[in-house]
């Protein structure tokens, strides 16, 4: 029996390794398939955890897809969130070799006649005496000399060392640390080289002369000739001024016609060039189409992630998800609501805004059940054409007013605001004039005491929405109290872009917060999966060890049976003989 026990032990030790893998060993029973089945049956909870984890992963991926769509919408809106970006205007010229112009959103449609008497110029001067080459020495005095020049009223002294050449002087001028904008060249006339000085600024104030303190031989004031005098440009616009000229120290003039920058190309005394200003309505419509398309991209993505199957009574991956609901509702509210700082009512004699909502210009939400575009924005092109023909500027304000301050009362003017500090909205004004008419006695903006600046100006107090808003009282009857309103407009593109910035914030956005929560959940699930995986590995090892011993035992008994059978046969054979 000792030998039998040893045999059993030997079989057992051969199959108890953690890496044991057997099929039909011992007595031929397939224990591996049996073990796999038992482990699979025990893995139900692990499978549930893995399925659960995959669901949270899909939700995070869906958030990322929605976030990408929202960022694309934000980028598109930021390309049209100012009046100049949204409202494209152009100016054509009857003679573009003499005059061209660029127009921004403030330019009014119409024509202007411009006469250019002269262009603005810079001062250019050159030495009278020439030199045989650029390497000709101009200072052979044996010591340093001074070249003094006066530019725009300021005197500059340049030290010219002994042995300096023509090219060397040019480099000294151009590389002088204190150089205020004077450039030098060595110019060649085919026979000799001359030093040329030119002031880089235009206009009558950009004077350039050689100073009396010059000691460099051949470079005193009498040794230079002026080849071009500095001067201002001179123009006349629509016949004004009737005598004299509008003078500017530039050939780009933007202070004469509102919204237009005149680009003076050549002088043409006695003749006029006609500029025609118009609005590129097709470009404006394309901006609006882009707005609708990009908004619908986000709406479509939200519908895809949250749709509900009535037939099968089943929701989608993010049906009812409150983060997606916040995004959807906030964006819908902005599209549907009145524009910030736009008024559609007439109280206190206020001037109404032409358009205050997107619905007025032909943008609405398709609410038709079963429609292919249900829940999407739709654009009525015919209505859009009508409103753009009527007042394209009003349409542009609704879309892209960039914190635009406007007075709605004749008694007040909106002077300025501080963008980023002054909040968009409506501001009720109440101002009382002193009894002697010498100035303002008291003033409030939206019920907050305002700062009185000067005799007739008020400014919004710090730490209030109106902070930085400056307003002037234009009606100044002694002892009178004036009520009114100033608005700060923000168009729909800017309002939506700001909201999208908040919604997509990597730290505080609703999707980011949920995504971080989901990552915490996944981390917890991963810990449980690790626990279950370890447990099942131990369970498989236990089963292997258990069935390995059983397999060994069965194998031993099979062998013993074979031995007994053989012995019996031998006994039977002996008895027969």
Protein backbone atom coordinates (compact mmCIF):
# COMPACT_ATOMS: atom_id res chain seq x y z
CA UNK A 1 0.00 0.00 0.00
CA UNK A 2 2.93 2.34 0.62
CA UNK A 3 3.83 1.96 -3.04
CA UNK A 4 0.21 2.72 -4.03
CA UNK A 5 0.21 5.90 -1.96
CA UNK A 6 3.46 6.96 -3.54
CA UNK A 7 2.00 6.37 -6.96
CA UNK A 8 -1.02 8.48 -6.14
CA UNK A 9 1.19 11.24 -4.78
CA UNK A 10 3.27 11.14 -7.89
CA UNK A 11 0.23 11.51 -10.14
CA UNK A 12 -1.11 14.31 -7.98
CA UNK A 13 2.11 16.30 -7.99
CA UNK A 14 2.24 16.09 -11.75
CA UNK A 15 -1.11 17.84 -12.13
CA UNK A 16 -1.21 20.39 -9.33
CA UNK A 17 0.96 23.05 -11.00
CA UNK A 18 -0.73 26.47 -11.46
CA UNK A 19 -0.05 26.11 -15.20
CA UNK A 20 -1.62 22.65 -15.48
CA UNK A 21 -3.56 22.11 -18.68
CA UNK A 22 -5.00 18.69 -19.37
CA UNK A 23 -7.59 17.12 -21.60
CA UNK A 24 -8.35 13.43 -21.26
CA UNK A 25 -5.30 12.67 -19.17
CA UNK A 26 -5.42 10.08 -16.46
CA UNK A 27 -8.52 8.03 -17.21
CA UNK A 28 -9.42 9.99 -20.38
CA UNK A 29 -12.14 12.27 -18.90
CA UNK A 30 -12.24 15.82 -20.53
CA UNK A 31 -11.96 17.92 -17.36
CA UNK A 32 -10.79 21.09 -19.21
CA UNK A 33 -14.15 21.51 -20.92
CA UNK A 34 -15.86 20.87 -17.60
CA UNK A 35 -13.68 23.53 -15.86
CA UNK A 36 -14.32 26.07 -18.65
CA UNK A 37 -18.04 25.54 -18.25
CA UNK A 38 -17.94 25.96 -14.50
CA UNK A 39 -15.80 29.15 -14.76
CA UNK A 40 -18.14 30.56 -17.42
CA UNK A 41 -21.12 29.91 -15.19
CA UNK A 42 -19.32 31.67 -12.36
CA UNK A 43 -18.45 34.66 -14.64
CA UNK A 44 -21.95 36.08 -14.92
CA UNK A 45 -21.19 39.03 -12.63
CA UNK A 46 -17.94 39.79 -14.47
CA UNK A 47 -19.80 39.85 -17.79
CA UNK A 48 -22.37 42.23 -16.32
CA UNK A 49 -19.59 44.53 -15.08
CA UNK A 50 -17.87 44.53 -18.49
CA UNK A 51 -21.15 45.30 -20.25
CA UNK A 52 -21.85 48.08 -17.77
CA UNK A 53 -18.39 49.55 -18.27
CA UNK A 54 -18.79 49.50 -22.05
CA UNK A 55 -22.02 51.49 -21.67
CA UNK A 56 -20.27 54.24 -19.69
CA UNK A 57 -17.47 54.27 -22.27
CA UNK A 58 -20.03 54.79 -25.03
CA UNK A 59 -21.60 57.65 -23.09
CA UNK A 60 -18.22 59.38 -22.75
CA UNK A 61 -17.59 58.90 -26.48
CA UNK A 62 -21.02 60.35 -27.23
CA UNK A 63 -20.25 63.39 -25.03
CA UNK A 64 -17.00 63.88 -26.91
CA UNK A 65 -18.80 63.73 -30.28
CA UNK A 66 -21.38 66.27 -29.11
CA UNK A 67 -18.65 68.48 -27.69
CA UNK A 68 -16.83 68.40 -31.04
CA UNK A 69 -20.01 69.51 -32.82
CA UNK A 70 -20.49 72.32 -30.31
CA UNK A 71 -16.91 73.54 -30.73
CA UNK A 72 -17.34 73.53 -34.53
CA UNK A 73 -20.50 75.63 -34.09
CA UNK A 74 -18.65 78.02 -31.77
CA UNK A 75 -15.85 78.43 -34.33
CA UNK A 76 -18.35 79.14 -37.10
CA UNK A 77 -20.20 81.72 -34.99
CA UNK A 78 -16.99 83.50 -33.98
CA UNK A 79 -16.27 84.11 -37.66
CA UNK A 80 -19.40 86.28 -37.90
CA UNK A 81 -19.88 87.74 -34.43
CA UNK A 82 -19.06 91.34 -35.34
CA UNK A 83 -20.88 93.70 -37.65
CA UNK A 84 -17.89 93.97 -39.98
CA UNK A 85 -17.63 90.18 -40.29
CA UNK A 86 -21.33 89.66 -40.82
CA UNK A 87 -22.41 92.63 -42.92
CA UNK A 88 -20.27 92.65 -46.04
CA UNK A 89 -20.21 95.97 -47.85
CA UNK A 90 -18.17 96.97 -50.87
CA UNK A 91 -17.12 100.17 -52.58
CA UNK A 92 -16.49 100.35 -56.33
CA UNK A 93 -14.46 103.10 -58.00
CA UNK A 94 -14.82 104.64 -61.46
CA UNK A 95 -11.02 105.00 -61.59
CA UNK A 96 -9.16 102.46 -59.48
CA UNK A 97 -5.76 103.76 -60.64
CA UNK A 98 -6.51 106.99 -58.78
CA UNK A 99 -8.74 105.86 -55.89
CA UNK A 100 -10.07 102.68 -54.29
CA UNK A 101 -11.93 102.24 -51.01
CA UNK A 102 -12.83 99.58 -48.47
CA UNK A 103 -16.14 99.62 -46.62
CA UNK A 104 -17.11 98.31 -43.21
CA UNK A 105 -20.56 97.76 -41.76
CA UNK A 106 -20.97 101.45 -40.82
CA UNK A 107 -20.75 102.60 -44.44
CA UNK A 108 -24.05 103.81 -45.83
CA UNK A 109 -25.17 102.77 -49.28
CA UNK A 110 -24.83 105.52 -51.85
CA UNK A 111 -22.26 107.40 -53.93
CA UNK A 112 -19.48 109.87 -53.16
CA UNK A 113 -17.36 112.02 -55.46
CA UNK A 114 -13.71 112.46 -54.48
CA UNK A 115 -11.08 114.78 -55.96
CA UNK A 116 -7.40 114.13 -55.13
CA UNK A 117 -5.24 117.22 -55.39
CA UNK A 118 -2.04 115.60 -54.11
CA UNK A 119 -0.78 112.48 -52.35
CA UNK A 120 0.97 112.41 -49.00
CA UNK A 121 4.72 112.07 -49.43
CA UNK A 122 7.86 111.48 -47.40
CA UNK A 123 11.04 113.55 -47.55
CA UNK A 124 13.83 112.24 -49.83
CA UNK A 125 17.23 113.87 -50.26
CA UNK A 126 20.55 112.86 -51.81
CA UNK A 127 24.16 114.08 -51.77
CA UNK A 128 25.22 116.45 -54.57
CA UNK A 129 28.67 114.91 -54.83
CA UNK A 130 29.09 111.37 -56.14
CA UNK A 131 31.68 108.69 -55.40
CA UNK A 132 33.30 106.26 -57.79
CA UNK A 133 32.27 103.16 -55.80
CA UNK A 134 30.53 102.00 -52.66
CA UNK A 135 33.94 101.35 -51.13
CA UNK A 136 35.09 104.97 -51.59
CA UNK A 137 36.26 106.46 -48.28
CA UNK A 138 34.22 109.47 -47.16
CA UNK A 139 36.10 110.19 -43.92
CA UNK A 140 39.87 110.36 -44.28
CA UNK A 141 40.35 113.07 -41.66
CA UNK A 142 42.24 110.84 -39.30
CA UNK A 143 39.55 111.00 -36.60
CA UNK A 144 35.83 110.68 -35.93
CA UNK A 145 33.42 113.12 -37.54
CA UNK A 146 29.74 113.90 -36.95
CA UNK A 147 26.79 113.66 -39.33
CA UNK A 148 23.86 115.46 -37.71
CA UNK A 149 20.28 115.20 -39.01
CA UNK A 150 16.95 116.50 -37.73
CA UNK A 151 13.88 114.27 -38.20
CA UNK A 152 10.37 115.33 -37.18
CA UNK A 153 11.88 118.09 -35.01
CA UNK A 154 14.36 115.91 -33.10
CA UNK A 155 18.13 116.13 -33.61
CA UNK A 156 20.27 112.98 -33.98
CA UNK A 157 24.08 112.81 -34.06
CA UNK A 158 25.80 109.98 -35.90
CA UNK A 159 29.52 109.35 -35.22
CA UNK A 160 31.36 108.51 -38.45
CA UNK A 161 34.77 106.87 -37.75
CA UNK A 162 37.89 107.55 -39.80
CA UNK A 163 38.05 105.34 -42.91
CA UNK A 164 34.25 104.98 -43.24
CA UNK A 165 33.17 104.21 -46.82
CA UNK A 166 29.95 105.06 -48.69
CA UNK A 167 28.55 101.60 -47.95
CA UNK A 168 29.79 101.88 -44.37
CA UNK A 169 27.87 105.14 -43.84
CA UNK A 170 24.71 103.56 -45.20
CA UNK A 171 25.08 100.71 -42.70
CA UNK A 172 25.81 103.13 -39.84
CA UNK A 173 22.58 105.03 -40.54
CA UNK A 174 20.36 101.98 -40.98
CA UNK A 175 21.74 100.18 -37.92
CA UNK A 176 21.84 103.22 -35.62
CA UNK A 177 20.03 102.09 -32.40
CA UNK A 178 18.39 105.49 -32.00
CA UNK A 179 17.27 105.66 -35.64
CA UNK A 180 13.73 107.16 -35.57
CA UNK A 181 12.74 106.06 -39.09
CA UNK A 182 15.37 107.38 -41.50
CA UNK A 183 16.73 104.98 -44.09
CA UNK A 184 19.86 105.36 -46.25
CA UNK A 185 20.75 103.93 -49.64
CA UNK A 186 23.79 104.04 -51.94
CA UNK A 187 22.23 104.85 -55.32
CA UNK A 188 24.09 104.49 -58.63
CA UNK A 189 23.43 106.69 -61.67
CA UNK A 190 25.59 104.63 -64.02
CA UNK A 191 28.73 106.57 -63.24
CA UNK A 192 28.82 107.45 -59.54
CA UNK A 193 27.37 106.45 -56.20
CA UNK A 194 25.37 108.91 -54.10
CA UNK A 195 24.03 108.67 -50.53
CA UNK A 196 20.27 108.95 -50.31
CA UNK A 197 18.32 109.71 -47.12
CA UNK A 198 14.58 109.15 -46.87
CA UNK A 199 12.21 109.65 -43.99
CA UNK A 200 9.86 106.68 -43.73
CA UNK A 201 6.86 108.69 -42.46
CA UNK A 202 4.46 110.68 -44.62
CA UNK A 203 3.09 114.16 -44.08
CA UNK A 204 4.14 117.73 -43.41
CA UNK A 205 5.32 116.92 -39.90
CA UNK A 206 7.79 114.28 -41.13
CA UNK A 207 10.51 116.84 -41.92
CA UNK A 208 14.11 115.77 -42.58
CA UNK A 209 17.09 118.17 -42.70
CA UNK A 210 20.86 118.07 -42.18
CA UNK A 211 21.89 119.76 -38.92
CA UNK A 212 24.37 122.60 -38.48
CA UNK A 213 26.42 120.34 -36.17
CA UNK A 214 27.63 118.19 -39.10
CA UNK A 215 31.45 118.06 -39.37
CA UNK A 216 31.68 115.28 -41.98
CA UNK A 217 33.21 116.79 -45.11
CA UNK A 218 30.87 116.70 -48.13
CA UNK A 219 27.77 116.08 -46.02
CA UNK A 220 26.83 119.57 -44.78
CA UNK A 221 23.38 121.00 -45.53
CA UNK A 222 24.61 122.67 -48.73
CA UNK A 223 25.92 119.30 -49.96
CA UNK A 224 22.42 117.79 -50.27
CA UNK A 225 19.59 118.22 -52.74
CA UNK A 226 15.92 117.52 -52.03
CA UNK A 227 14.39 115.11 -54.57
CA UNK A 228 10.97 114.87 -52.89
CA UNK A 229 9.33 117.11 -50.28
CA UNK A 230 7.24 115.71 -47.46
CA UNK A 231 3.60 116.77 -47.69
CA UNK A 232 0.07 115.84 -46.64
CA UNK A 233 -2.52 114.39 -48.97
CA UNK A 234 -5.23 116.80 -50.09
CA UNK A 235 -8.72 115.69 -51.10
CA UNK A 236 -12.17 117.13 -51.57
CA UNK A 237 -15.24 114.92 -50.90
CA UNK A 238 -18.66 115.61 -52.41
CA UNK A 239 -17.57 119.16 -53.17
CA UNK A 240 -16.41 119.88 -49.61
CA UNK A 241 -14.64 121.96 -48.59
CA UNK A 242 -15.69 124.46 -51.22
CA UNK A 243 -12.32 126.19 -50.86
CA UNK A 244 -9.18 124.51 -49.61
CA UNK A 245 -8.65 120.77 -49.02
CA UNK A 246 -9.07 118.01 -46.45
CA UNK A 247 -5.50 117.34 -45.34
CA UNK A 248 -4.10 114.07 -43.94
CA UNK A 249 -0.61 112.79 -43.24
CA UNK A 250 -1.43 109.53 -45.04
CA UNK A 251 -2.76 108.14 -48.28
CA UNK A 252 -5.17 105.90 -46.40
CA UNK A 253 -7.94 108.18 -45.14
CA UNK A 254 -10.66 106.86 -42.83
CA UNK A 255 -11.86 110.02 -41.07
CA UNK A 256 -13.88 111.62 -43.83
CA UNK A 257 -16.72 109.26 -44.82
CA UNK A 258 -18.19 107.07 -42.07
CA UNK A 259 -17.41 103.40 -42.65
CA UNK A 260 -15.11 104.04 -45.62
CA UNK A 261 -11.33 103.93 -45.87
CA UNK A 262 -10.12 105.84 -48.93
CA UNK A 263 -6.96 104.46 -50.54
CA UNK A 264 -5.37 107.31 -52.50
CA UNK A 265 -3.38 105.98 -55.47
CA UNK A 266 -2.60 109.02 -57.59
CA UNK A 267 -3.32 112.74 -57.76
CA UNK A 268 -5.81 114.05 -60.34
CA UNK A 269 -6.43 117.76 -59.72
CA UNK A 270 -9.59 119.04 -61.37
CA UNK A 271 -11.24 115.62 -61.86
CA UNK A 272 -13.39 113.50 -59.57
CA UNK A 273 -13.66 109.77 -58.96
CA UNK A 274 -17.05 108.32 -58.02
CA UNK A 275 -17.29 105.70 -55.25
CA UNK A 276 -20.43 103.56 -55.04
CA UNK A 277 -21.12 101.81 -51.72
CA UNK A 278 -23.39 98.77 -51.62
CA UNK A 279 -24.22 95.75 -49.46
CA UNK A 280 -23.28 92.26 -50.61
CA UNK A 281 -26.65 90.70 -49.76
CA UNK A 282 -25.65 87.28 -51.06
CA UNK A 283 -22.67 87.19 -48.69
CA UNK A 284 -24.97 88.13 -45.81
CA UNK A 285 -27.43 85.39 -46.78
CA UNK A 286 -24.61 82.88 -46.93
CA UNK A 287 -23.63 83.82 -43.37
CA UNK A 288 -27.22 83.19 -42.27
CA UNK A 289 -27.36 79.86 -44.10
CA UNK A 290 -24.12 78.85 -42.35
CA UNK A 291 -25.66 79.85 -39.02
CA UNK A 292 -28.70 77.63 -39.64
CA UNK A 293 -26.64 74.69 -40.93
CA UNK A 294 -24.21 74.72 -38.02
CA UNK A 295 -26.99 75.05 -35.45
CA UNK A 296 -28.79 72.08 -37.04
CA UNK A 297 -25.62 69.98 -36.90
CA UNK A 298 -25.66 70.25 -33.12
CA UNK A 299 -29.44 69.75 -32.91
CA UNK A 300 -29.19 66.65 -35.11
CA UNK A 301 -26.44 65.19 -32.93
CA UNK A 302 -28.55 65.77 -29.81
CA UNK A 303 -31.56 64.11 -31.45
CA UNK A 304 -29.43 61.12 -32.43
CA UNK A 305 -28.16 60.67 -28.88
CA UNK A 306 -31.49 61.17 -27.09
CA UNK A 307 -34.18 59.81 -29.46
CA UNK A 308 -36.87 57.49 -28.07
CA UNK A 309 -38.23 54.49 -29.97
CA UNK A 310 -42.00 54.58 -29.34
CA UNK A 311 -42.53 51.25 -31.10
CA UNK A 312 -40.09 49.33 -28.93
CA UNK A 313 -40.50 51.60 -25.92
CA UNK A 314 -36.74 52.04 -25.69
CA UNK A 315 -34.53 55.06 -25.29
CA UNK A 316 -31.16 55.83 -26.86
CA UNK A 317 -27.79 56.01 -25.16
CA UNK A 318 -28.38 59.47 -23.60
CA UNK A 319 -32.16 59.66 -23.49
CA UNK A 320 -33.07 61.76 -20.46
CA UNK A 321 -29.45 62.68 -19.73
CA UNK A 322 -29.63 65.97 -17.86
CA UNK A 323 -26.29 67.26 -19.19
CA UNK A 324 -27.45 66.92 -22.78
CA UNK A 325 -30.82 68.38 -21.81
CA UNK A 326 -29.06 71.47 -20.40
CA UNK A 327 -27.11 71.94 -23.62
CA UNK A 328 -30.18 71.46 -25.79
CA UNK A 329 -32.46 73.74 -23.81
CA UNK A 330 -29.95 76.55 -23.34
CA UNK A 331 -29.20 76.73 -27.06
CA UNK A 332 -32.89 76.54 -27.97
CA UNK A 333 -33.73 79.33 -25.53
CA UNK A 334 -31.17 81.69 -27.04
CA UNK A 335 -32.43 81.02 -30.57
CA UNK A 336 -36.05 81.57 -29.55
CA UNK A 337 -35.65 84.52 -27.17
CA UNK A 338 -35.48 88.22 -27.94
CA UNK A 339 -31.98 89.53 -28.55
CA UNK A 340 -30.15 90.97 -25.53
CA UNK A 341 -30.48 94.76 -25.52
CA UNK A 342 -33.17 94.76 -28.24
CA UNK A 343 -36.54 96.35 -27.46
CA UNK A 344 -39.82 95.67 -29.20
CA UNK A 345 -42.08 97.89 -27.11
CA UNK A 346 -42.70 101.60 -27.06
CA UNK A 347 -42.70 103.22 -23.64
CA UNK A 348 -41.35 106.57 -22.55
CA UNK A 349 -41.11 107.53 -26.21
CA UNK A 350 -38.43 104.90 -26.88
CA UNK A 351 -37.30 104.01 -30.38
CA UNK A 352 -38.08 100.38 -31.16
CA UNK A 353 -35.60 98.05 -32.83
CA UNK A 354 -36.63 96.89 -36.31
CA UNK A 355 -35.93 93.20 -35.63
CA UNK A 356 -35.61 91.67 -32.18
CA UNK A 357 -35.88 87.91 -32.83
CA UNK A 358 -34.80 85.39 -35.44
CA UNK A 359 -38.41 84.51 -36.19
CA UNK A 360 -38.92 87.98 -37.66
CA UNK A 361 -36.30 87.41 -40.34
CA UNK A 362 -37.46 83.95 -41.43
CA UNK A 363 -35.75 81.48 -39.05
CA UNK A 364 -38.05 79.12 -37.16
CA UNK A 365 -38.08 75.63 -35.65
CA UNK A 366 -39.94 72.89 -37.57
CA UNK A 367 -42.49 71.54 -35.10
CA UNK A 368 -44.35 69.32 -37.60
CA UNK A 369 -44.56 65.77 -36.22
CA UNK A 370 -43.14 63.27 -38.66
CA UNK A 371 -41.37 65.91 -40.70
CA UNK A 372 -37.89 65.06 -41.97
CA UNK A 373 -36.65 68.29 -40.39
CA UNK A 374 -38.66 68.10 -37.18
CA UNK A 375 -36.84 69.96 -34.41
CA UNK A 376 -34.44 71.57 -36.88
CA UNK A 377 -34.15 75.25 -37.78
CA UNK A 378 -35.67 76.11 -41.16
CA UNK A 379 -34.98 79.24 -43.19
CA UNK A 380 -37.65 81.06 -45.16
CA UNK A 381 -35.53 82.49 -47.99
CA UNK A 382 -38.38 84.63 -49.30
CA UNK A 383 -38.87 86.27 -45.91
CA UNK A 384 -35.11 86.72 -45.55
CA UNK A 385 -34.89 88.48 -48.92
CA UNK A 386 -37.67 90.82 -47.81
CA UNK A 387 -36.04 91.87 -44.53
CA UNK A 388 -32.59 92.23 -46.08
CA UNK A 389 -34.01 94.49 -48.76
CA UNK A 390 -35.84 96.48 -46.08
CA UNK A 391 -33.00 96.95 -43.58
CA UNK A 392 -29.82 94.86 -43.85
CA UNK A 393 -28.15 96.77 -41.02
CA UNK A 394 -30.96 95.87 -38.60
CA UNK A 395 -30.58 92.20 -39.57
CA UNK A 396 -26.82 92.41 -39.00
CA UNK A 397 -27.35 93.96 -35.55
CA UNK A 398 -29.64 91.09 -34.54
CA UNK A 399 -27.00 88.58 -35.52
CA UNK A 400 -23.73 90.30 -34.74
CA UNK A 401 -24.05 93.48 -32.66
CA UNK A 402 -20.85 93.31 -30.65
CA UNK A 403 -21.87 94.97 -27.35
CA UNK A 404 -23.22 97.96 -29.27
CA UNK A 405 -24.35 100.88 -27.09
CA UNK A 406 -27.40 102.83 -28.30
CA UNK A 407 -29.63 105.47 -26.75
CA UNK A 408 -33.36 104.88 -27.15
CA UNK A 409 -34.27 108.32 -25.83
CA UNK A 410 -33.76 111.69 -27.49
CA UNK A 411 -32.69 113.24 -24.18
CA UNK A 412 -29.58 111.03 -23.92
CA UNK A 413 -26.55 109.94 -25.96
CA UNK A 414 -24.56 106.78 -25.34
CA UNK A 415 -20.92 107.87 -25.40
CA UNK A 416 -18.96 104.69 -24.70
CA UNK A 417 -18.72 101.46 -22.72
CA UNK A 418 -16.00 99.11 -21.56
CA UNK A 419 -16.28 95.83 -23.40
CA UNK A 420 -15.97 92.90 -21.06
CA UNK A 421 -16.99 95.07 -18.11
CA UNK A 422 -20.24 96.68 -19.23
CA UNK A 423 -22.81 93.91 -19.52
CA UNK A 424 -25.23 93.74 -22.47
CA UNK A 425 -28.83 94.58 -21.63
CA UNK A 426 -31.30 97.41 -21.07
CA UNK A 427 -30.55 100.33 -18.75
CA UNK A 428 -33.23 102.62 -17.38
CA UNK A 429 -32.03 106.18 -16.77
CA UNK A 430 -33.27 108.86 -14.39
CA UNK A 431 -31.39 112.16 -14.28
CA UNK A 432 -32.30 115.36 -12.45
CA UNK A 433 -30.88 118.74 -13.52
CA UNK A 434 -29.85 121.27 -10.87
CA UNK A 435 -32.34 124.06 -10.18
CA UNK A 436 -29.92 126.67 -11.52
CA UNK A 437 -29.29 124.61 -14.68
CA UNK A 438 -25.54 124.41 -14.01
CA UNK A 439 -25.30 120.62 -14.25
CA UNK A 440 -26.67 117.28 -13.05
CA UNK A 441 -27.90 117.06 -9.47
CA UNK A 442 -28.50 113.29 -9.29
CA UNK A 443 -28.57 110.31 -11.62
CA UNK A 444 -29.37 106.60 -11.50
CA UNK A 445 -28.89 103.74 -13.96
CA UNK A 446 -31.22 100.81 -13.33
CA UNK A 447 -31.81 102.23 -9.87
CA UNK A 448 -28.10 102.36 -8.98
CA UNK A 449 -26.55 105.73 -8.19
CA UNK A 450 -24.38 106.76 -11.15
CA UNK A 451 -21.15 108.70 -11.07
CA UNK A 452 -21.57 112.28 -12.35
CA UNK A 453 -18.65 113.14 -14.65
CA UNK A 454 -18.38 116.79 -15.67
CA UNK A 455 -21.51 118.85 -16.01
CA UNK A 456 -23.67 116.62 -18.22
CA UNK A 457 -22.15 113.14 -18.25
CA UNK A 458 -22.79 110.12 -16.04
CA UNK A 459 -20.98 106.77 -15.75
CA UNK A 460 -22.17 103.42 -14.40
CA UNK A 461 -20.87 102.61 -10.94
CA UNK A 462 -18.27 99.91 -10.36
CA UNK A 463 -19.44 96.39 -9.48
CA UNK A 464 -22.74 96.88 -11.35
CA UNK A 465 -23.77 95.51 -14.77
CA UNK A 466 -23.57 99.08 -16.15
CA UNK A 467 -20.00 99.67 -14.92
CA UNK A 468 -18.07 101.63 -17.52
CA UNK A 469 -21.18 102.79 -19.41
CA UNK A 470 -20.81 106.53 -20.19
CA UNK A 471 -23.91 108.59 -21.05
CA UNK A 472 -24.48 112.26 -21.84
CA UNK A 473 -27.65 114.21 -21.00
CA UNK A 474 -28.53 116.28 -24.07
CA UNK A 475 -31.71 117.90 -22.71
CA UNK A 476 -30.70 120.31 -19.95
CA UNK A 477 -33.71 122.31 -18.75
CA UNK A 478 -33.10 123.67 -15.24
CA UNK A 479 -34.85 121.70 -12.49
CA UNK A 480 -36.17 119.03 -14.89
CA UNK A 481 -36.00 115.25 -14.42
CA UNK A 482 -35.41 113.08 -17.47
CA UNK A 483 -36.24 109.40 -17.89
CA UNK A 484 -34.85 107.29 -20.69
CA UNK A 485 -33.11 104.13 -21.77
CA UNK A 486 -29.76 103.07 -23.16
CA UNK A 487 -29.25 99.56 -24.49
CA UNK A 488 -26.11 97.49 -24.98
CA UNK A 489 -26.82 95.02 -27.77
CA UNK A 490 -25.28 91.60 -28.19
CA UNK A 491 -26.24 89.69 -31.34
CA UNK A 492 -27.27 86.06 -31.46
CA UNK A 493 -23.91 84.86 -32.78
CA UNK A 494 -22.04 86.43 -29.87
CA UNK A 495 -24.62 85.28 -27.32
CA UNK A 496 -24.49 81.70 -28.61
CA UNK A 497 -20.69 81.69 -28.84
CA UNK A 498 -20.42 82.82 -25.20
CA UNK A 499 -22.91 80.16 -24.11
CA UNK A 500 -21.04 77.49 -26.05
CA UNK A 501 -17.81 78.60 -24.38
CA UNK A 502 -19.43 77.88 -21.01
CA UNK A 503 -21.06 74.64 -22.12
CA UNK A 504 -17.80 73.26 -23.53
CA UNK A 505 -15.61 74.41 -20.67
CA UNK A 506 -13.17 71.60 -19.84
CA UNK A 507 -13.66 72.08 -16.09
CA UNK A 508 -17.08 73.59 -15.45
CA UNK A 509 -19.11 72.63 -18.55
CA UNK A 510 -22.02 70.23 -17.84
CA UNK A 511 -20.67 67.59 -20.22
CA UNK A 512 -17.18 67.83 -18.70
CA UNK A 513 -18.59 67.44 -15.18
CA UNK A 514 -20.63 64.39 -16.21
CA UNK A 515 -17.71 62.94 -18.13
CA UNK A 516 -15.52 63.19 -15.04
CA UNK A 517 -18.27 61.55 -12.98
CA UNK A 518 -18.51 58.76 -15.52
CA UNK A 519 -14.74 58.27 -15.42
CA UNK A 520 -15.02 57.86 -11.63
CA UNK A 521 -17.76 55.29 -12.15
CA UNK A 522 -15.61 53.44 -14.70
CA UNK A 523 -12.70 53.48 -12.29
CA UNK A 524 -14.92 51.88 -9.64
CA UNK A 525 -16.15 49.29 -12.15
CA UNK A 526 -12.56 48.54 -13.17
CA UNK A 527 -11.71 47.84 -9.53
CA UNK A 528 -14.64 45.41 -9.34
CA UNK A 529 -13.62 43.82 -12.64
CA UNK A 530 -10.08 43.37 -11.31
CA UNK A 531 -11.49 41.77 -8.16
CA UNK A 532 -13.75 39.44 -10.15
CA UNK A 533 -10.95 38.55 -12.57
CA UNK A 534 -8.64 37.63 -9.69
CA UNK A 535 -11.43 35.65 -7.98
CA UNK A 536 -12.18 33.71 -11.17
CA UNK A 537 -8.51 33.00 -11.75
CA UNK A 538 -8.28 31.57 -8.24
CA UNK A 539 -11.49 29.64 -8.83
CA UNK A 540 -10.08 28.18 -12.10
CA UNK A 541 -6.84 27.24 -10.31
CA UNK A 542 -8.80 25.55 -7.51
CA UNK A 543 -10.85 23.59 -10.05
CA UNK A 544 -7.74 22.58 -11.95
CA UNK A 545 -6.08 21.38 -8.78
CA UNK A 546 -9.22 19.55 -7.70
CA UNK A 547 -9.80 17.79 -11.00
CA UNK A 548 -6.10 17.16 -11.49
CA UNK A 549 -6.10 15.16 -8.26
CA UNK A 550 -9.28 13.42 -9.33
CA UNK A 551 -7.82 12.73 -12.75
CA UNK A 552 -4.68 11.35 -11.15
CA UNK A 553 -6.69 9.16 -8.81
CA UNK A 554 -8.85 7.87 -11.62
CA UNK A 555 -5.76 7.23 -13.67
CA UNK A 556 -4.24 5.30 -10.77
CA UNK A 557 -7.34 3.17 -10.45
CA UNK A 558 -7.43 2.60 -14.18
CA UNK A 559 -3.85 1.40 -14.01
CA UNK A 560 -4.64 -0.72 -10.97
CA UNK A 561 -7.62 -2.17 -12.79
CA UNK A 562 -5.44 -3.00 -15.75
CA UNK A 563 -2.93 -4.68 -13.48
CA UNK A 564 -5.65 -6.69 -11.75
CA UNK A 565 -7.19 -7.63 -15.06
CA UNK A 566 -3.80 -8.79 -16.30
CA UNK A 567 -3.20 -10.74 -13.10
CA UNK A 568 -6.55 -12.44 -13.35
CA UNK A 569 -5.85 -13.40 -16.95
CA UNK A 570 -2.53 -14.85 -15.91
CA UNK A 571 -4.19 -16.82 -13.09
CA UNK A 572 -6.85 -18.10 -15.46
CA UNK A 573 -4.20 -19.14 -17.94
CA UNK A 574 -2.25 -20.97 -15.25
CA UNK A 575 -5.35 -22.79 -14.02
CA UNK A 576 -6.24 -23.88 -17.52
CA UNK A 577 -2.81 -25.31 -18.07
